[in-house]
All heavy atoms as atom14 arrays in JSON, in Angstrom:
{
  "sequence": "GSATYADSVKDRFIISRDNAKNTVHLQMNSPKPEDTSIYYCN",
  "atom14_mask": [
    [1, 1, 1, 1, 0, 0, 0, 0, 0, 0, 0, 0, 0, 0],
    [1, 1, 1, 1, 1, 1, 0, 0, 0, 0, 0, 0, 0, 0],
    [1, 1, 1, 1, 1, 0, 0, 0, 0, 0, 0, 0, 0, 0],
    [1, 1, 1, 1, 1, 1, 1, 0, 0, 0, 0, 0, 0, 0],
    [1, 1, 1, 1, 1, 1, 1, 1, 1, 1, 1, 1, 0, 0],
    [1, 1, 1, 1, 1, 0, 0, 0, 0, 0, 0, 0, 0, 0],
    [1, 1, 1, 1, 1, 1, 1, 1, 0, 0, 0, 0, 0, 0],
    [1, 1, 1, 1, 1, 1, 0, 0, 0, 0, 0, 0, 0, 0],
    [1, 1, 1, 1, 1, 1, 1, 0, 0, 0, 0, 0, 0, 0],
    [1, 1, 1, 1, 1, 1, 1, 1, 1, 0, 0, 0, 0, 0],
    [1, 1, 1, 1, 1, 1, 1, 1, 0, 0, 0, 0, 0, 0],
    [1, 1, 1, 1, 1, 1, 1, 1, 1, 1, 1, 0, 0, 0],
    [1, 1, 1, 1, 1, 1, 1, 1, 1, 1, 1, 0, 0, 0],
    [1, 1, 1, 1, 1, 1, 1, 1, 0, 0, 0, 0, 0, 0],
    [1, 1, 1, 1, 1, 1, 1, 1, 0, 0, 0, 0, 0, 0],
    [1, 1, 1, 1, 1, 1, 0, 0, 0, 0, 0, 0, 0, 0],
    [1, 1, 1, 1, 1, 1, 1, 1, 1, 1, 1, 0, 0, 0],
    [1, 1, 1, 1, 1, 1, 1, 1, 0, 0, 0, 0, 0, 0],
    [1, 1, 1, 1, 1, 1, 1, 1, 0, 0, 0, 0, 0, 0],
    [1, 1, 1, 1, 1, 0, 0, 0, 0, 0, 0, 0, 0, 0],
    [1, 1, 1, 1, 1, 1, 1, 1, 1, 0, 0, 0, 0, 0],
    [1, 1, 1, 1, 1, 1, 1, 1, 0, 0, 0, 0, 0, 0],
    [1, 1, 1, 1, 1, 1, 1, 0, 0, 0, 0, 0, 0, 0],
    [1, 1, 1, 1, 1, 1, 1, 0, 0, 0, 0, 0, 0, 0],
    [1, 1, 1, 1, 1, 1, 1, 1, 1, 1, 0, 0, 0, 0],
    [1, 1, 1, 1, 1, 1, 1, 1, 0, 0, 0, 0, 0, 0],
    [1, 1, 1, 1, 1, 1, 1, 1, 1, 0, 0, 0, 0, 0],
    [1, 1, 1, 1, 1, 1, 1, 1, 0, 0, 0, 0, 0, 0],
    [1, 1, 1, 1, 1, 1, 1, 1, 0, 0, 0, 0, 0, 0],
    [1, 1, 1, 1, 1, 1, 0, 0, 0, 0, 0, 0, 0, 0],
    [1, 1, 1, 1, 1, 1, 1, 0, 0, 0, 0, 0, 0, 0],
    [1, 1, 1, 1, 1, 1, 1, 1, 1, 0, 0, 0, 0, 0],
    [1, 1, 1, 1, 1, 1, 1, 0, 0, 0, 0, 0, 0, 0],
    [1, 1, 1, 1, 1, 1, 1, 1, 1, 0, 0, 0, 0, 0],
    [1, 1, 1, 1, 1, 1, 1, 1, 0, 0, 0, 0, 0, 0],
    [1, 1, 1, 1, 1, 1, 1, 0, 0, 0, 0, 0, 0, 0],
    [1, 1, 1, 1, 1, 1, 0, 0, 0, 0, 0, 0, 0, 0],
    [1, 1, 1, 1, 1, 1, 1, 1, 0, 0, 0, 0, 0, 0],
    [1, 1, 1, 1, 1, 1, 1, 1, 1, 1, 1, 1, 0, 0],
    [1, 1, 1, 1, 1, 1, 1, 1, 1, 1, 1, 1, 0, 0],
    [1, 1, 1, 1, 1, 1, 0, 0, 0, 0, 0, 0, 0, 0],
    [1, 1, 1, 1, 1, 1, 1, 1, 0, 0, 0, 0, 0, 0]
  ],
  "atom14_positions": [
    [[3.05, -12.47, -5.45], [2.38, -11.28, -5.93], [0.89, -11.16, -5.67], [0.26, -10.24, -6.18], [0.0, 0.0, 0.0], [0.0, 0.0, 0.0], [0.0, 0.0, 0.0], [0.0, 0.0, 0.0], [0.0, 0.0, 0.0], [0.0, 0.0, 0.0], [0.0, 0.0, 0.0], [0.0, 0.0, 0.0], [0.0, 0.0, 0.0], [0.0, 0.0, 0.0]],
    [[0.32, -12.06, -4.89], [-1.1, -11.97, -4.56], [-1.3, -10.91, -3.48], [-0.7, -10.99, -2.41], [-1.62, -13.32, -4.08], [-2.99, -13.25, -3.75], [0.0, 0.0, 0.0], [0.0, 0.0, 0.0], [0.0, 0.0, 0.0], [0.0, 0.0, 0.0], [0.0, 0.0, 0.0], [0.0, 0.0, 0.0], [0.0, 0.0, 0.0], [0.0, 0.0, 0.0]],
    [[-2.17, -9.93, -3.75], [-2.34, -8.78, -2.87], [-3.67, -8.79, -2.13], [-4.68, -9.28, -2.64], [-2.21, -7.48, -3.66], [0.0, 0.0, 0.0], [0.0, 0.0, 0.0], [0.0, 0.0, 0.0], [0.0, 0.0, 0.0], [0.0, 0.0, 0.0], [0.0, 0.0, 0.0], [0.0, 0.0, 0.0], [0.0, 0.0, 0.0], [0.0, 0.0, 0.0]],
    [[-3.66, -8.23, -0.93], [-4.84, -8.06, -0.11], [-4.88, -6.62, 0.39], [-3.85, -6.07, 0.76], [-4.84, -9.02, 1.09], [-4.78, -10.37, 0.63], [-6.08, -8.83, 1.94], [0.0, 0.0, 0.0], [0.0, 0.0, 0.0], [0.0, 0.0, 0.0], [0.0, 0.0, 0.0], [0.0, 0.0, 0.0], [0.0, 0.0, 0.0], [0.0, 0.0, 0.0]],
    [[-6.08, -6.02, 0.42], [-6.22, -4.64, 0.84], [-7.31, -4.48, 1.89], [-8.31, -5.21, 1.88], [-6.57, -3.73, -0.34], [-5.54, -3.71, -1.43], [-5.63, -4.56, -2.52], [-4.47, -2.81, -1.38], [-4.67, -4.54, -3.53], [-3.52, -2.79, -2.37], [-3.62, -3.65, -3.45], [-2.67, -3.61, -4.45], [0.0, 0.0, 0.0], [0.0, 0.0, 0.0]],
    [[-7.12, -3.52, 2.77], [-8.19, -3.12, 3.66], [-9.3, -2.48, 2.84], [-9.03, -1.82, 1.83], [-7.68, -2.15, 4.71], [0.0, 0.0, 0.0], [0.0, 0.0, 0.0], [0.0, 0.0, 0.0], [0.0, 0.0, 0.0], [0.0, 0.0, 0.0], [0.0, 0.0, 0.0], [0.0, 0.0, 0.0], [0.0, 0.0, 0.0], [0.0, 0.0, 0.0]],
    [[-10.54, -2.67, 3.27], [-11.66, -2.11, 2.52], [-11.55, -0.59, 2.35], [-11.95, -0.04, 1.32], [-12.98, -2.44, 3.21], [-13.36, -3.9, 3.08], [-12.82, -4.58, 2.19], [-14.19, -4.37, 3.87], [0.0, 0.0, 0.0], [0.0, 0.0, 0.0], [0.0, 0.0, 0.0], [0.0, 0.0, 0.0], [0.0, 0.0, 0.0], [0.0, 0.0, 0.0]],
    [[-11.0, 0.08, 3.34], [-10.92, 1.53, 3.31], [-9.97, 2.08, 2.25], [-10.07, 3.25, 1.89], [-10.5, 2.07, 4.69], [-9.24, 1.55, 5.07], [0.0, 0.0, 0.0], [0.0, 0.0, 0.0], [0.0, 0.0, 0.0], [0.0, 0.0, 0.0], [0.0, 0.0, 0.0], [0.0, 0.0, 0.0], [0.0, 0.0, 0.0], [0.0, 0.0, 0.0]],
    [[-9.05, 1.25, 1.76], [-8.08, 1.73, 0.77], [-8.22, 1.02, -0.57], [-7.5, 1.36, -1.52], [-6.63, 1.58, 1.27], [-6.47, 2.24, 2.63], [-6.2, 0.12, 1.33], [0.0, 0.0, 0.0], [0.0, 0.0, 0.0], [0.0, 0.0, 0.0], [0.0, 0.0, 0.0], [0.0, 0.0, 0.0], [0.0, 0.0, 0.0], [0.0, 0.0, 0.0]],
    [[-9.11, 0.07, -0.64], [-9.3, -0.68, -1.88], [-9.66, 0.26, -3.02], [-10.45, 1.19, -2.86], [-10.4, -1.73, -1.66], [-10.34, -2.92, -2.6], [-11.25, -4.05, -2.11], [-10.78, -4.62, -0.79], [-11.64, -5.75, -0.32], [0.0, 0.0, 0.0], [0.0, 0.0, 0.0], [0.0, 0.0, 0.0], [0.0, 0.0, 0.0], [0.0, 0.0, 0.0]],
    [[-9.08, 0.03, -4.17], [-9.28, 0.82, -5.39], [-8.55, 2.15, -5.37], [-8.64, 2.93, -6.33], [-10.76, 1.07, -5.68], [-11.55, -0.21, -5.86], [-11.02, -1.16, -6.47], [-12.71, -0.27, -5.4], [0.0, 0.0, 0.0], [0.0, 0.0, 0.0], [0.0, 0.0, 0.0], [0.0, 0.0, 0.0], [0.0, 0.0, 0.0], [0.0, 0.0, 0.0]],
    [[-7.81, 2.44, -4.29], [-7.04, 3.67, -4.22], [-5.54, 3.4, -4.06], [-4.71, 4.09, -4.66], [-7.52, 4.56, -3.08], [-8.94, 5.07, -3.25], [-9.27, 6.12, -2.2], [-9.24, 5.56, -0.84], [-8.42, 5.97, 0.11], [-7.55, 6.95, -0.13], [-8.47, 5.43, 1.33], [0.0, 0.0, 0.0], [0.0, 0.0, 0.0], [0.0, 0.0, 0.0]],
    [[-5.2, 2.42, -3.24], [-3.8, 2.08, -2.98], [-3.42, 0.83, -3.76], [-4.25, -0.06, -3.99], [-3.56, 1.83, -1.49], [-3.73, 3.04, -0.62], [-4.12, 4.27, -1.13], [-3.48, 2.94, 0.74], [-4.28, 5.38, -0.31], [-3.63, 4.05, 1.57], [-4.02, 5.26, 1.05], [0.0, 0.0, 0.0], [0.0, 0.0, 0.0], [0.0, 0.0, 0.0]],
    [[-2.15, 0.74, -4.11], [-1.62, -0.43, -4.81], [-0.32, -0.86, -4.14], [0.6, -0.05, -4.0], [-1.37, -0.16, -6.3], [-2.67, 0.26, -7.0], [-0.79, -1.4, -6.97], [-2.48, 0.71, -8.44], [0.0, 0.0, 0.0], [0.0, 0.0, 0.0], [0.0, 0.0, 0.0], [0.0, 0.0, 0.0], [0.0, 0.0, 0.0], [0.0, 0.0, 0.0]],
    [[-0.24, -2.12, -3.76], [0.98, -2.66, -3.19], [1.7, -3.48, -4.25], [1.08, -4.16, -5.06], [0.7, -3.52, -1.93], [2.0, -3.9, -1.23], [-0.12, -4.76, -2.28], [1.79, -4.55, 0.14], [0.0, 0.0, 0.0], [0.0, 0.0, 0.0], [0.0, 0.0, 0.0], [0.0, 0.0, 0.0], [0.0, 0.0, 0.0], [0.0, 0.0, 0.0]],
    [[3.02, -3.4, -4.25], [3.83, -4.15, -5.19], [5.16, -4.51, -4.54], [5.53, -3.95, -3.51], [4.06, -3.36, -6.49], [4.77, -2.16, -6.22], [0.0, 0.0, 0.0], [0.0, 0.0, 0.0], [0.0, 0.0, 0.0], [0.0, 0.0, 0.0], [0.0, 0.0, 0.0], [0.0, 0.0, 0.0], [0.0, 0.0, 0.0], [0.0, 0.0, 0.0]],
    [[5.87, -5.45, -5.13], [7.17, -5.84, -4.59], [8.13, -6.22, -5.7], [7.73, -6.61, -6.8], [7.03, -7.0, -3.59], [6.5, -8.29, -4.2], [6.2, -9.32, -3.12], [7.41, -9.88, -2.53], [7.42, -10.67, -1.44], [6.28, -10.96, -0.82], [8.56, -11.14, -0.97], [0.0, 0.0, 0.0], [0.0, 0.0, 0.0], [0.0, 0.0, 0.0]],
    [[9.4, -6.1, -5.38], [10.47, -6.5, -6.28], [11.32, -7.51, -5.51], [12.11, -7.14, -4.65], [11.3, -5.3, -6.71], [12.34, -5.64, -7.76], [12.77, -6.81, -7.83], [12.74, -4.74, -8.51], [0.0, 0.0, 0.0], [0.0, 0.0, 0.0], [0.0, 0.0, 0.0], [0.0, 0.0, 0.0], [0.0, 0.0, 0.0], [0.0, 0.0, 0.0]],
    [[11.13, -8.77, -5.81], [11.82, -9.82, -5.06], [13.33, -9.78, -5.24], [14.08, -10.14, -4.33], [11.28, -11.2, -5.48], [9.85, -11.42, -5.04], [9.37, -10.8, -4.09], [9.15, -12.31, -5.72], [0.0, 0.0, 0.0], [0.0, 0.0, 0.0], [0.0, 0.0, 0.0], [0.0, 0.0, 0.0], [0.0, 0.0, 0.0], [0.0, 0.0, 0.0]],
    [[13.78, -9.35, -6.4], [15.21, -9.27, -6.65], [15.89, -8.21, -5.78], [17.07, -8.32, -5.46], [15.48, -9.0, -8.12], [0.0, 0.0, 0.0], [0.0, 0.0, 0.0], [0.0, 0.0, 0.0], [0.0, 0.0, 0.0], [0.0, 0.0, 0.0], [0.0, 0.0, 0.0], [0.0, 0.0, 0.0], [0.0, 0.0, 0.0], [0.0, 0.0, 0.0]],
    [[15.13, -7.19, -5.4], [15.67, -6.09, -4.59], [15.2, -6.12, -3.15], [15.55, -5.23, -2.37], [15.3, -4.75, -5.22], [15.88, -4.53, -6.61], [15.47, -3.18, -7.17], [16.07, -2.95, -8.54], [15.66, -1.63, -9.1], [0.0, 0.0, 0.0], [0.0, 0.0, 0.0], [0.0, 0.0, 0.0], [0.0, 0.0, 0.0], [0.0, 0.0, 0.0]],
    [[14.41, -7.12, -2.79], [13.87, -7.25, -1.43], [13.14, -5.97, -1.0], [13.32, -5.48, 0.12], [14.98, -7.58, -0.43], [15.53, -8.97, -0.62], [14.85, -9.86, -1.13], [16.78, -9.17, -0.21], [0.0, 0.0, 0.0], [0.0, 0.0, 0.0], [0.0, 0.0, 0.0], [0.0, 0.0, 0.0], [0.0, 0.0, 0.0], [0.0, 0.0, 0.0]],
    [[12.33, -5.45, -1.9], [11.61, -4.22, -1.61], [10.11, -4.39, -1.79], [9.65, -5.26, -2.54], [12.08, -3.07, -2.52], [11.85, -3.42, -3.89], [13.55, -2.77, -2.32], [0.0, 0.0, 0.0], [0.0, 0.0, 0.0], [0.0, 0.0, 0.0], [0.0, 0.0, 0.0], [0.0, 0.0, 0.0], [0.0, 0.0, 0.0], [0.0, 0.0, 0.0]],
    [[9.35, -3.56, -1.1], [7.91, -3.5, -1.24], [7.51, -2.03, -1.3], [8.12, -1.18, -0.65], [7.2, -4.23, -0.08], [7.52, -3.57, 1.26], [5.7, -4.28, -0.31], [0.0, 0.0, 0.0], [0.0, 0.0, 0.0], [0.0, 0.0, 0.0], [0.0, 0.0, 0.0], [0.0, 0.0, 0.0], [0.0, 0.0, 0.0], [0.0, 0.0, 0.0]],
    [[6.5, -1.74, -2.11], [6.04, -0.36, -2.31], [4.55, -0.25, -2.02], [3.81, -1.22, -2.16], [6.32, 0.1, -3.73], [7.73, -0.07, -4.18], [8.73, 0.83, -3.86], [8.32, -1.05, -4.92], [9.87, 0.41, -4.39], [9.65, -0.72, -5.03], [0.0, 0.0, 0.0], [0.0, 0.0, 0.0], [0.0, 0.0, 0.0], [0.0, 0.0, 0.0]],
    [[4.14, 0.93, -1.65], [2.73, 1.23, -1.51], [2.45, 2.53, -2.27], [2.89, 3.6, -1.84], [2.32, 1.38, -0.05], [0.82, 1.59, 0.19], [0.04, 0.33, -0.17], [0.54, 1.98, 1.64], [0.0, 0.0, 0.0], [0.0, 0.0, 0.0], [0.0, 0.0, 0.0], [0.0, 0.0, 0.0], [0.0, 0.0, 0.0], [0.0, 0.0, 0.0]],
    [[1.74, 2.4, -3.38], [1.33, 3.56, -4.15], [0.01, 4.06, -3.59], [-0.99, 3.35, -3.64], [1.19, 3.2, -5.63], [0.76, 4.35, -6.52], [1.81, 5.43, -6.64], [2.99, 5.14, -6.73], [1.37, 6.68, -6.64], [0.0, 0.0, 0.0], [0.0, 0.0, 0.0], [0.0, 0.0, 0.0], [0.0, 0.0, 0.0], [0.0, 0.0, 0.0]],
    [[0.01, 5.27, -3.07], [-1.17, 5.85, -2.44], [-1.76, 6.88, -3.4], [-1.26, 7.99, -3.52], [-0.82, 6.48, -1.1], [-0.17, 5.52, -0.12], [0.44, 6.31, 1.4], [-1.08, 6.91, 2.11], [0.0, 0.0, 0.0], [0.0, 0.0, 0.0], [0.0, 0.0, 0.0], [0.0, 0.0, 0.0], [0.0, 0.0, 0.0], [0.0, 0.0, 0.0]],
    [[-2.83, 6.49, -4.06], [-3.52, 7.38, -4.97], [-4.76, 7.96, -4.3], [-5.45, 7.28, -3.56], [-3.93, 6.64, -6.25], [-2.74, 6.12, -7.03], [-1.73, 6.8, -7.16], [-2.87, 4.91, -7.57], [0.0, 0.0, 0.0], [0.0, 0.0, 0.0], [0.0, 0.0, 0.0], [0.0, 0.0, 0.0], [0.0, 0.0, 0.0], [0.0, 0.0, 0.0]],
    [[-5.03, 9.21, -4.59], [-6.18, 9.92, -4.02], [-6.29, 9.74, -2.51], [-7.34, 9.34, -1.99], [-7.48, 9.46, -4.7], [-7.45, 9.71, -6.09], [0.0, 0.0, 0.0], [0.0, 0.0, 0.0], [0.0, 0.0, 0.0], [0.0, 0.0, 0.0], [0.0, 0.0, 0.0], [0.0, 0.0, 0.0], [0.0, 0.0, 0.0], [0.0, 0.0, 0.0]],
    [[-5.22, 10.0, -1.78], [-5.3, 9.85, -0.32], [-6.29, 10.82, 0.3], [-6.51, 11.92, -0.23], [-3.87, 10.12, 0.14], [-3.31, 11.02, -0.91], [-3.91, 10.54, -2.2], [0.0, 0.0, 0.0], [0.0, 0.0, 0.0], [0.0, 0.0, 0.0], [0.0, 0.0, 0.0], [0.0, 0.0, 0.0], [0.0, 0.0, 0.0], [0.0, 0.0, 0.0]],
    [[-6.87, 10.4, 1.4], [-7.83, 11.2, 2.14], [-7.26, 11.58, 3.5], [-6.34, 10.92, 3.99], [-9.13, 10.42, 2.34], [-9.75, 9.89, 1.06], [-10.96, 9.01, 1.38], [-11.58, 8.45, 0.12], [-12.73, 7.56, 0.43], [0.0, 0.0, 0.0], [0.0, 0.0, 0.0], [0.0, 0.0, 0.0], [0.0, 0.0, 0.0], [0.0, 0.0, 0.0]],
    [[-7.79, 12.63, 4.13], [-7.32, 12.98, 5.48], [-7.39, 11.81, 6.45], [-6.56, 11.72, 7.35], [-8.25, 14.12, 5.89], [-8.62, 14.78, 4.6], [-8.74, 13.64, 3.62], [0.0, 0.0, 0.0], [0.0, 0.0, 0.0], [0.0, 0.0, 0.0], [0.0, 0.0, 0.0], [0.0, 0.0, 0.0], [0.0, 0.0, 0.0], [0.0, 0.0, 0.0]],
    [[-8.36, 10.93, 6.27], [-8.5, 9.77, 7.14], [-7.34, 8.79, 6.99], [-7.17, 7.91, 7.83], [-9.81, 9.02, 6.84], [-11.05, 9.91, 6.87], [-11.39, 10.46, 5.5], [-12.1, 9.78, 4.74], [-10.95, 11.6, 5.21], [0.0, 0.0, 0.0], [0.0, 0.0, 0.0], [0.0, 0.0, 0.0], [0.0, 0.0, 0.0], [0.0, 0.0, 0.0]],
    [[-6.55, 8.92, 5.93], [-5.39, 8.06, 5.73], [-4.18, 8.53, 6.53], [-3.15, 7.85, 6.54], [-5.02, 7.99, 4.25], [-6.1, 7.33, 3.41], [-6.67, 6.31, 3.86], [-6.37, 7.83, 2.3], [0.0, 0.0, 0.0], [0.0, 0.0, 0.0], [0.0, 0.0, 0.0], [0.0, 0.0, 0.0], [0.0, 0.0, 0.0], [0.0, 0.0, 0.0]],
    [[-4.28, 9.68, 7.15], [-3.18, 10.21, 7.96], [-2.85, 9.23, 9.08], [-3.72, 8.84, 9.85], [-3.54, 11.57, 8.54], [-3.69, 12.52, 7.49], [-2.45, 12.05, 9.49], [0.0, 0.0, 0.0], [0.0, 0.0, 0.0], [0.0, 0.0, 0.0], [0.0, 0.0, 0.0], [0.0, 0.0, 0.0], [0.0, 0.0, 0.0], [0.0, 0.0, 0.0]],
    [[-1.59, 8.83, 9.15], [-1.17, 7.85, 10.14], [0.33, 7.63, 10.03], [0.99, 8.17, 9.15], [-1.91, 6.52, 9.91], [-1.66, 5.6, 10.95], [0.0, 0.0, 0.0], [0.0, 0.0, 0.0], [0.0, 0.0, 0.0], [0.0, 0.0, 0.0], [0.0, 0.0, 0.0], [0.0, 0.0, 0.0], [0.0, 0.0, 0.0], [0.0, 0.0, 0.0]],
    [[0.85, 6.84, 10.94], [2.2, 6.33, 10.81], [2.11, 4.99, 10.1], [1.35, 4.11, 10.53], [2.91, 6.16, 12.17], [3.0, 7.5, 12.9], [4.3, 5.58, 11.97], [3.58, 7.39, 14.29], [0.0, 0.0, 0.0], [0.0, 0.0, 0.0], [0.0, 0.0, 0.0], [0.0, 0.0, 0.0], [0.0, 0.0, 0.0], [0.0, 0.0, 0.0]],
    [[2.86, 4.83, 9.03], [2.83, 3.62, 8.25], [4.08, 2.78, 8.52], [5.2, 3.3, 8.53], [2.74, 3.95, 6.76], [1.36, 4.4, 6.34], [0.88, 5.64, 6.72], [0.54, 3.58, 5.56], [-0.4, 6.05, 6.36], [-0.73, 3.98, 5.19], [-1.2, 5.22, 5.59], [-2.45, 5.62, 5.22], [0.0, 0.0, 0.0], [0.0, 0.0, 0.0]],
    [[3.87, 1.49, 8.74], [4.94, 0.58, 9.08], [5.08, -0.52, 8.03], [4.09, -1.12, 7.62], [4.7, -0.09, 10.43], [4.67, 0.87, 11.6], [3.48, 1.47, 12.0], [5.82, 1.16, 12.32], [3.43, 2.34, 13.07], [5.79, 2.03, 13.39], [4.6, 2.61, 13.77], [4.55, 3.47, 14.83], [0.0, 0.0, 0.0], [0.0, 0.0, 0.0]],
    [[6.29, -0.79, 7.65], [6.59, -1.9, 6.76], [6.77, -3.17, 7.58], [7.34, -3.14, 8.67], [7.86, -1.6, 5.96], [8.4, -2.92, 4.86], [0.0, 0.0, 0.0], [0.0, 0.0, 0.0], [0.0, 0.0, 0.0], [0.0, 0.0, 0.0], [0.0, 0.0, 0.0], [0.0, 0.0, 0.0], [0.0, 0.0, 0.0], [0.0, 0.0, 0.0]],
    [[6.27, -4.28, 7.06], [6.38, -5.57, 7.72], [6.8, -6.63, 6.72], [6.38, -6.61, 5.57], [5.05, -5.95, 8.37], [5.03, -7.4, 8.85], [4.57, -8.29, 8.14], [5.51, -7.63, 10.06], [0.0, 0.0, 0.0], [0.0, 0.0, 0.0], [0.0, 0.0, 0.0], [0.0, 0.0, 0.0], [0.0, 0.0, 0.0], [0.0, 0.0, 0.0]]
  ]
}
């Protein structure tokens, strides 16, 4: 559960995971036009 963020999204986005379900989430709060992109899960 230790998280790392790019400086550009720090304090706005939150990453989380559920190990039992093998899932990861990205909560995008207050997104900006500069956040427009294709997002890939890894």
